[in-house]
Amino acid sequence: MKAMSKTRKTQRVAKLLFTEITPFTEGGAQGTPSMGRTLNLSEGGILMELPATMPFEIPLHVSLGIEDEVARIPGKLAHYHKRDDGTIEIGVEFTNPGKKDLTLIRKVI
């Protein structure tokens, strides 16, 4: 594993998990979910790869399939980058993850 950056609160690990991200409008209406995959994961957030059609509204919920369970974690968009192949990498900072979700994440990091 790579050494932790001085600016990071939690260690990141490269991990491939299939994910779903669901945007919500400021009024709380649910947007269209989009399937993607993780590029790396930590207790504090996730870097994901998504199709280019993903709407970038906040707040978000990230659903991660971990073993036989699903962690559903609220988050907010931290950054995004469109790659040459048209896919988008987005960084999501988790906001107020539950104890059960953190326990699941710890199983894979």
Protein backbone atom coordinates (compact mmCIF):
# COMPACT_ATOMS: atom_id res chain seq x y z
CA MET A 1 0.00 0.00 0.00
CA LYS A 2 1.11 3.54 -0.65
CA ALA A 3 2.07 5.87 2.15
CA MET A 4 -0.59 8.31 3.24
CA SER A 5 -0.36 11.86 1.97
CA LYS A 6 0.13 14.55 4.59
CA THR A 7 -3.15 16.19 3.51
CA ARG A 8 -5.25 13.00 3.73
CA LYS A 9 -7.00 11.98 6.92
CA THR A 10 -7.47 8.36 5.81
CA GLN A 11 -5.41 5.94 3.74
CA ARG A 12 -6.55 5.14 0.19
CA VAL A 13 -6.27 1.74 -1.43
CA ALA A 14 -6.75 0.81 -5.06
CA LYS A 15 -9.87 -1.33 -5.11
CA LEU A 16 -12.21 -2.50 -7.85
CA LEU A 17 -15.82 -2.59 -6.71
CA PHE A 18 -18.90 -2.03 -8.79
CA THR A 19 -20.81 0.96 -7.56
CA GLU A 20 -23.92 3.01 -8.07
CA ILE A 21 -24.05 6.73 -7.51
CA THR A 22 -27.35 8.55 -7.09
CA PRO A 23 -27.47 12.34 -7.31
CA PHE A 24 -30.07 14.41 -5.49
CA THR A 25 -31.21 17.94 -6.28
CA GLU A 26 -30.94 20.67 -3.67
CA GLY A 27 -34.66 20.17 -3.09
CA GLY A 28 -34.08 16.49 -2.25
CA ALA A 29 -35.47 14.94 -5.44
CA GLN A 30 -33.61 11.83 -6.54
CA GLY A 31 -31.82 11.99 -9.88
CA THR A 32 -31.01 9.12 -12.22
CA PRO A 33 -28.57 6.60 -10.72
CA SER A 34 -25.44 5.75 -12.67
CA MET A 35 -23.35 2.57 -12.46
CA GLY A 36 -19.59 2.79 -12.25
CA ARG A 37 -16.55 1.26 -10.64
CA THR A 38 -14.15 2.32 -7.96
CA LEU A 39 -10.58 3.30 -8.72
CA ASN A 40 -9.62 3.77 -5.08
CA LEU A 41 -11.36 3.84 -1.75
CA SER A 42 -10.77 5.10 1.77
CA GLU A 43 -12.88 5.63 4.87
CA GLY A 44 -13.15 9.29 3.83
CA GLY A 45 -14.16 8.94 0.19
CA ILE A 46 -13.93 7.27 -3.17
CA LEU A 47 -12.52 7.89 -6.65
CA MET A 48 -14.88 6.42 -9.23
CA GLU A 49 -15.07 5.96 -12.98
CA LEU A 50 -18.47 6.69 -14.52
CA PRO A 51 -20.02 7.09 -17.98
CA ALA A 52 -19.77 10.58 -19.46
CA THR A 53 -23.53 11.09 -19.07
CA MET A 54 -23.46 11.34 -15.25
CA PRO A 55 -25.20 14.46 -13.95
CA PHE A 56 -23.16 16.21 -11.30
CA GLU A 57 -25.74 17.37 -8.79
CA ILE A 58 -25.16 17.27 -5.08
CA PRO A 59 -25.68 15.73 -2.57
CA LEU A 60 -24.97 12.13 -3.62
CA HIS A 61 -25.39 8.63 -2.29
CA VAL A 62 -22.76 6.04 -3.19
CA SER A 63 -23.79 2.39 -3.04
CA LEU A 64 -20.90 -0.09 -2.80
CA GLY A 65 -21.28 -3.85 -3.12
CA ILE A 66 -18.97 -5.32 -0.48
CA GLU A 67 -19.10 -9.08 -0.13
CA ASP A 68 -22.80 -9.93 0.32
CA GLU A 69 -23.81 -6.50 1.59
CA VAL A 70 -24.33 -3.00 0.23
CA ALA A 71 -22.97 0.12 1.88
CA ARG A 72 -25.05 3.21 1.03
CA ILE A 73 -23.03 6.26 1.96
CA PRO A 74 -23.96 9.93 1.62
CA GLY A 75 -21.34 12.14 0.04
CA LYS A 76 -20.58 15.25 -1.93
CA LEU A 77 -18.71 15.81 -5.15
CA ALA A 78 -15.11 16.81 -4.38
CA HIS A 79 -13.75 16.92 -7.96
CA TYR A 80 -14.16 15.43 -11.42
CA HIS A 81 -12.11 14.99 -14.57
CA LYS A 82 -13.23 13.96 -18.06
CA ARG A 83 -10.76 11.51 -19.59
CA ASP A 84 -9.84 11.26 -23.26
CA ASP A 85 -11.96 8.10 -23.66
CA GLY A 86 -15.09 10.01 -22.55
CA THR A 87 -15.39 8.44 -19.11
CA ILE A 88 -15.38 10.63 -16.07
CA GLU A 89 -13.41 10.20 -12.88
CA ILE A 90 -15.12 11.71 -9.87
CA GLY A 91 -13.92 12.09 -6.35
CA VAL A 92 -16.61 11.85 -3.69
CA GLU A 93 -16.04 12.87 -0.09
CA PHE A 94 -18.19 10.81 2.27
CA THR A 95 -20.36 12.88 4.58
CA ASN A 96 -21.50 11.27 7.81
CA PRO A 97 -21.01 7.57 6.93
CA GLY A 98 -22.72 5.18 9.31
CA LYS A 99 -20.84 2.76 11.57
CA LYS A 100 -22.09 -0.24 9.57
CA ASP A 101 -20.87 1.33 6.31
CA LEU A 102 -17.44 2.09 7.78
CA THR A 103 -17.18 -1.48 9.05
CA LEU A 104 -17.91 -2.76 5.53
CA ILE A 105 -15.34 -0.41 3.98
CA ARG A 106 -12.71 -1.55 6.49
CA LYS A 107 -13.22 -5.13 5.28
CA VAL A 108 -11.83 -4.23 1.85
CA ILE A 109 -9.20 -1.65 2.70
